[in-house]
Amino acid sequence: MDSSHRGIRGRFSPPLLFLKLLLSKKGSSYFDLMIKTLVVITLMATVMSFLSVFTTYLNLNHVCRRVVRVVELEGQVSDRAYDVFYRLKQQTGISPEMAVEDVEYCEDQKIQLRDNFTITMRYSYPFTVLTPSFAPPVEIQIPMKVSITGMSEKYWKLPE
């Protein structure tokens, strides 16, 4: 019987050559490099996917600021403010809900000089976590809210 292949522990133990390869450190840096590369690529993909959330929030903030500026100049929530709102919705690709709050109208939806108003925009961003090929994508709805306060810059002469 050839006892050189049985190893130290008996009949079913692996050959000594296999044990020597497992215990040696040859090629271990190659496997370390592969694992580190996979971790770095995974982290970069995660960061890139989260950047879309921040970009959407910046777009929402931009839309709200522009609408507030139009209302400040016009002194009312006019058709021009809604035109700017709809145009920016098309340009940015988001569709937020807009609400005018904390406003005191003097007459016929007009905001008097130096009266404050707040425009609030809400949007729910669908963040895709996983896209399996056999099912619909797994999404998390991330709620976003931007509120900007403005001050009317137009004086309305009221009839007495």
C-alpha atoms as a PDB file:
ATOM      1  CA  MET A   1       0.000   0.000   0.000  1.00  0.00           C
ATOM      2  CA  ASP A   2       1.190   3.502  -0.842  1.00  0.00           C
ATOM      3  CA  SER A   3       1.135   5.494   2.385  1.00  0.00           C
ATOM      4  CA  SER A   4       2.607   8.661   0.899  1.00  0.00           C
ATOM      5  CA  HIS A   5      -0.824   9.896  -0.256  1.00  0.00           C
ATOM      6  CA  ARG A   6      -2.738   9.158   2.926  1.00  0.00           C
ATOM      7  CA  GLY A   7      -1.393  12.056   4.918  1.00  0.00           C
ATOM      8  CA  ILE A   8      -1.037  12.320   8.646  1.00  0.00           C
ATOM      9  CA  ARG A   9      -4.657  11.635   9.648  1.00  0.00           C
ATOM     10  CA  GLY A  10      -5.427   8.495   7.718  1.00  0.00           C
ATOM     11  CA  ARG A  11      -7.147   7.279   4.584  1.00  0.00           C
ATOM     12  CA  PHE A  12      -9.437  10.249   3.713  1.00  0.00           C
ATOM     13  CA  SER A  13      -7.048  13.087   4.496  1.00  0.00           C
ATOM     14  CA  PRO A  14      -5.941  15.270   1.566  1.00  0.00           C
ATOM     15  CA  PRO A  15      -2.514  14.703   0.066  1.00  0.00           C
ATOM     16  CA  LEU A  16       0.401  16.579   1.596  1.00  0.00           C
ATOM     17  CA  LEU A  17       0.977  18.546  -1.607  1.00  0.00           C
ATOM     18  CA  PHE A  18      -2.546  20.038  -1.411  1.00  0.00           C
ATOM     19  CA  LEU A  19      -2.003  20.985   2.245  1.00  0.00           C
ATOM     20  CA  LYS A  20       1.280  22.653   1.374  1.00  0.00           C
ATOM     21  CA  LEU A  21      -0.454  24.750  -1.327  1.00  0.00           C
ATOM     22  CA  LEU A  22      -3.212  25.821   1.066  1.00  0.00           C
ATOM     23  CA  LEU A  23      -0.760  26.843   3.747  1.00  0.00           C
ATOM     24  CA  SER A  24       1.619  28.678   1.429  1.00  0.00           C
ATOM     25  CA  LYS A  25       1.195  32.405   0.816  1.00  0.00           C
ATOM     26  CA  LYS A  26       1.897  32.304  -2.922  1.00  0.00           C
ATOM     27  CA  GLY A  27      -0.732  34.281  -4.873  1.00  0.00           C
ATOM     28  CA  SER A  28      -2.431  35.699  -1.794  1.00  0.00           C
ATOM     29  CA  SER A  29      -1.768  39.276  -2.906  1.00  0.00           C
ATOM     30  CA  TYR A  30      -3.593  38.515  -6.175  1.00  0.00           C
ATOM     31  CA  PHE A  31      -6.743  37.495  -4.286  1.00  0.00           C
ATOM     32  CA  ASP A  32      -6.429  40.515  -1.981  1.00  0.00           C
ATOM     33  CA  LEU A  33      -6.239  42.782  -5.028  1.00  0.00           C
ATOM     34  CA  MET A  34      -9.319  41.151  -6.586  1.00  0.00           C
ATOM     35  CA  ILE A  35     -11.373  41.563  -3.398  1.00  0.00           C
ATOM     36  CA  LYS A  36     -10.258  45.159  -2.891  1.00  0.00           C
ATOM     37  CA  THR A  37     -11.100  45.986  -6.511  1.00  0.00           C
ATOM     38  CA  LEU A  38     -14.586  44.502  -6.177  1.00  0.00           C
ATOM     39  CA  VAL A  39     -15.197  46.480  -2.963  1.00  0.00           C
ATOM     40  CA  VAL A  40     -14.026  49.745  -4.573  1.00  0.00           C
ATOM     41  CA  ILE A  41     -16.188  49.209  -7.681  1.00  0.00           C
ATOM     42  CA  THR A  42     -19.220  48.431  -5.496  1.00  0.00           C
ATOM     43  CA  LEU A  43     -18.673  51.555  -3.410  1.00  0.00           C
ATOM     44  CA  MET A  44     -18.266  53.724  -6.517  1.00  0.00           C
ATOM     45  CA  ALA A  45     -21.490  52.365  -8.014  1.00  0.00           C
ATOM     46  CA  THR A  46     -23.322  53.081  -4.759  1.00  0.00           C
ATOM     47  CA  VAL A  47     -22.014  56.646  -4.615  1.00  0.00           C
ATOM     48  CA  MET A  48     -22.946  57.235  -8.255  1.00  0.00           C
ATOM     49  CA  SER A  49     -26.486  56.012  -7.656  1.00  0.00           C
ATOM     50  CA  PHE A  50     -26.891  58.341  -4.647  1.00  0.00           C
ATOM     51  CA  LEU A  51     -25.730  61.330  -6.704  1.00  0.00           C
ATOM     52  CA  SER A  52     -29.001  61.224  -8.639  1.00  0.00           C
ATOM     53  CA  VAL A  53     -30.898  61.895  -5.398  1.00  0.00           C
ATOM     54  CA  PHE A  54     -28.841  65.011  -4.679  1.00  0.00           C
ATOM     55  CA  THR A  55     -29.127  66.205  -8.282  1.00  0.00           C
ATOM     56  CA  THR A  56     -32.905  65.887  -8.102  1.00  0.00           C
ATOM     57  CA  TYR A  57     -32.994  67.856  -4.847  1.00  0.00           C
ATOM     58  CA  LEU A  58     -30.867  70.616  -6.398  1.00  0.00           C
ATOM     59  CA  ASN A  59     -33.216  70.741  -9.402  1.00  0.00           C
ATOM     60  CA  LEU A  60     -36.221  71.013  -7.077  1.00  0.00           C
ATOM     61  CA  ASN A  61     -34.525  73.834  -5.188  1.00  0.00           C
ATOM     62  CA  HIS A  62     -33.725  75.618  -8.462  1.00  0.00           C
ATOM     63  CA  VAL A  63     -37.324  75.379  -9.693  1.00  0.00           C
ATOM     64  CA  CYS A  64     -38.645  76.741  -6.401  1.00  0.00           C
ATOM     65  CA  ARG A  65     -36.193  79.670  -6.369  1.00  0.00           C
ATOM     66  CA  ARG A  66     -37.084  80.680  -9.908  1.00  0.00           C
ATOM     67  CA  VAL A  67     -40.824  80.589  -9.217  1.00  0.00           C
ATOM     68  CA  VAL A  68     -40.365  82.595  -6.009  1.00  0.00           C
ATOM     69  CA  ARG A  69     -38.400  85.232  -7.923  1.00  0.00           C
ATOM     70  CA  VAL A  70     -41.119  85.550 -10.564  1.00  0.00           C
ATOM     71  CA  VAL A  71     -43.800  85.947  -7.868  1.00  0.00           C
ATOM     72  CA  GLU A  72     -41.655  88.570  -6.110  1.00  0.00           C
ATOM     73  CA  LEU A  73     -41.347  90.613  -9.297  1.00  0.00           C
ATOM     74  CA  GLU A  74     -44.959  90.192 -10.389  1.00  0.00           C
ATOM     75  CA  GLY A  75     -46.482  90.741  -6.960  1.00  0.00           C
ATOM     76  CA  GLN A  76     -48.917  87.884  -7.535  1.00  0.00           C
ATOM     77  CA  VAL A  77     -49.076  84.235  -8.461  1.00  0.00           C
ATOM     78  CA  SER A  78     -49.811  84.931 -12.096  1.00  0.00           C
ATOM     79  CA  ASP A  79     -49.847  82.945 -15.304  1.00  0.00           C
ATOM     80  CA  ARG A  80     -46.206  83.903 -15.835  1.00  0.00           C
ATOM     81  CA  ALA A  81     -45.244  82.138 -12.584  1.00  0.00           C
ATOM     82  CA  TYR A  82     -47.094  79.010 -13.678  1.00  0.00           C
ATOM     83  CA  ASP A  83     -45.484  79.214 -17.134  1.00  0.00           C
ATOM     84  CA  VAL A  84     -42.026  79.320 -15.538  1.00  0.00           C
ATOM     85  CA  PHE A  85     -43.026  76.432 -13.258  1.00  0.00           C
ATOM     86  CA  TYR A  86     -44.236  74.216 -16.132  1.00  0.00           C
ATOM     87  CA  ARG A  87     -41.247  75.090 -18.342  1.00  0.00           C
ATOM     88  CA  LEU A  88     -38.799  74.198 -15.580  1.00  0.00           C
ATOM     89  CA  LYS A  89     -40.702  70.964 -14.885  1.00  0.00           C
ATOM     90  CA  GLN A  90     -40.119  69.962 -18.494  1.00  0.00           C
ATOM     91  CA  GLN A  91     -36.456  70.982 -18.456  1.00  0.00           C
ATOM     92  CA  THR A  92     -35.569  69.176 -15.242  1.00  0.00           C
ATOM     93  CA  GLY A  93     -37.758  66.121 -15.750  1.00  0.00           C
ATOM     94  CA  ILE A  94     -39.307  66.289 -12.293  1.00  0.00           C
ATOM     95  CA  SER A  95     -42.948  66.945 -11.529  1.00  0.00           C
ATOM     96  CA  PRO A  96     -43.305  68.475  -8.077  1.00  0.00           C
ATOM     97  CA  GLU A  97     -46.458  69.778  -6.448  1.00  0.00           C
ATOM     98  CA  MET A  98     -46.466  73.518  -5.781  1.00  0.00           C
ATOM     99  CA  ALA A  99     -48.325  75.304  -3.003  1.00  0.00           C
ATOM    100  CA  VAL A 100     -48.388  78.974  -2.002  1.00  0.00           C
ATOM    101  CA  GLU A 101     -48.530  79.315   1.784  1.00  0.00           C
ATOM    102  CA  ASP A 102     -48.353  81.995   4.481  1.00  0.00           C
ATOM    103  CA  VAL A 103     -49.632  84.680   2.161  1.00  0.00           C
ATOM    104  CA  GLU A 104     -51.989  87.569   2.780  1.00  0.00           C
ATOM    105  CA  TYR A 105     -53.649  88.682  -0.438  1.00  0.00           C
ATOM    106  CA  CYS A 106     -54.733  92.311  -0.609  1.00  0.00           C
ATOM    107  CA  GLU A 107     -57.119  91.983  -3.540  1.00  0.00           C
ATOM    108  CA  ASP A 108     -57.714  89.444  -6.289  1.00  0.00           C
ATOM    109  CA  GLN A 109     -54.676  87.208  -5.597  1.00  0.00           C
ATOM    110  CA  LYS A 110     -52.315  90.202  -5.368  1.00  0.00           C
ATOM    111  CA  ILE A 111     -49.527  90.414  -2.798  1.00  0.00           C
ATOM    112  CA  GLN A 112     -48.798  93.922  -1.535  1.00  0.00           C
ATOM    113  CA  LEU A 113     -45.311  95.428  -1.384  1.00  0.00           C
ATOM    114  CA  ARG A 114     -43.114  93.876   1.370  1.00  0.00           C
ATOM    115  CA  ASP A 115     -45.666  91.202   2.240  1.00  0.00           C
ATOM    116  CA  ASN A 116     -44.110  87.769   2.730  1.00  0.00           C
ATOM    117  CA  PHE A 117     -45.200  84.548   1.086  1.00  0.00           C
ATOM    118  CA  THR A 118     -43.844  81.019   1.027  1.00  0.00           C
ATOM    119  CA  ILE A 119     -43.777  78.656  -1.907  1.00  0.00           C
ATOM    120  CA  THR A 120     -43.455  74.992  -1.016  1.00  0.00           C
ATOM    121  CA  MET A 121     -42.656  72.255  -3.509  1.00  0.00           C
ATOM    122  CA  ARG A 122     -42.920  68.564  -2.718  1.00  0.00           C
ATOM    123  CA  TYR A 123     -41.602  65.688  -4.769  1.00  0.00           C
ATOM    124  CA  SER A 124     -41.253  61.979  -4.147  1.00  0.00           C
ATOM    125  CA  TYR A 125     -38.125  60.601  -5.822  1.00  0.00           C
ATOM    126  CA  PRO A 126     -38.247  56.913  -6.783  1.00  0.00           C
ATOM    127  CA  PHE A 127     -34.800  55.534  -5.849  1.00  0.00           C
ATOM    128  CA  THR A 128     -34.214  52.158  -7.528  1.00  0.00           C
ATOM    129  CA  VAL A 129     -32.493  49.735  -5.184  1.00  0.00           C
ATOM    130  CA  LEU A 130     -32.591  46.597  -7.310  1.00  0.00           C
ATOM    131  CA  THR A 131     -33.722  45.814 -10.841  1.00  0.00           C
ATOM    132  CA  PRO A 132     -34.273  42.068 -11.227  1.00  0.00           C
ATOM    133  CA  SER A 133     -34.903  40.710 -14.701  1.00  0.00           C
ATOM    134  CA  PHE A 134     -37.915  38.638 -13.640  1.00  0.00           C
ATOM    135  CA  ALA A 135     -39.818  41.212 -11.560  1.00  0.00           C
ATOM    136  CA  PRO A 136     -40.503  44.924 -11.379  1.00  0.00           C
ATOM    137  CA  PRO A 137     -37.739  47.062  -9.862  1.00  0.00           C
ATOM    138  CA  VAL A 138     -37.505  47.475  -6.105  1.00  0.00           C
ATOM    139  CA  GLU A 139     -37.841  51.187  -5.368  1.00  0.00           C
ATOM    140  CA  ILE A 140     -37.764  53.378  -2.295  1.00  0.00           C
ATOM    141  CA  GLN A 141     -39.755  56.616  -2.441  1.00  0.00           C
ATOM    142  CA  ILE A 142     -37.621  59.434  -1.029  1.00  0.00           C
ATOM    143  CA  PRO A 143     -39.787  62.442  -0.082  1.00  0.00           C
ATOM    144  CA  MET A 144     -38.324  65.861  -0.833  1.00  0.00           C
ATOM    145  CA  LYS A 145     -39.627  69.238   0.283  1.00  0.00           C
ATOM    146  CA  VAL A 146     -38.340  72.725  -0.488  1.00  0.00           C
ATOM    147  CA  SER A 147     -39.876  75.831   1.094  1.00  0.00           C
ATOM    148  CA  ILE A 148     -38.636  79.275   0.121  1.00  0.00           C
ATOM    149  CA  THR A 149     -39.984  82.525   1.512  1.00  0.00           C
ATOM    150  CA  GLY A 150     -40.126  85.593  -0.688  1.00  0.00           C
ATOM    151  CA  MET A 151     -41.238  89.207  -0.379  1.00  0.00           C
ATOM    152  CA  SER A 152     -43.350  91.054  -2.919  1.00  0.00           C
ATOM    153  CA  GLU A 153     -41.576  93.865  -4.748  1.00  0.00           C
ATOM    154  CA  LYS A 154     -44.649  95.384  -6.350  1.00  0.00           C
ATOM    155  CA  TYR A 155     -46.889  98.077  -4.924  1.00  0.00           C
ATOM    156  CA  TRP A 156     -50.570  97.686  -5.700  1.00  0.00           C
ATOM    157  CA  LYS A 157     -52.658 100.826  -5.566  1.00  0.00           C
ATOM    158  CA  LEU A 158     -55.919  99.728  -4.040  1.00  0.00           C
ATOM    159  CA  PRO A 159     -59.233 101.390  -4.894  1.00  0.00           C
ATOM    160  CA  GLU A 160     -60.860 103.155  -1.978  1.00  0.00           C
END
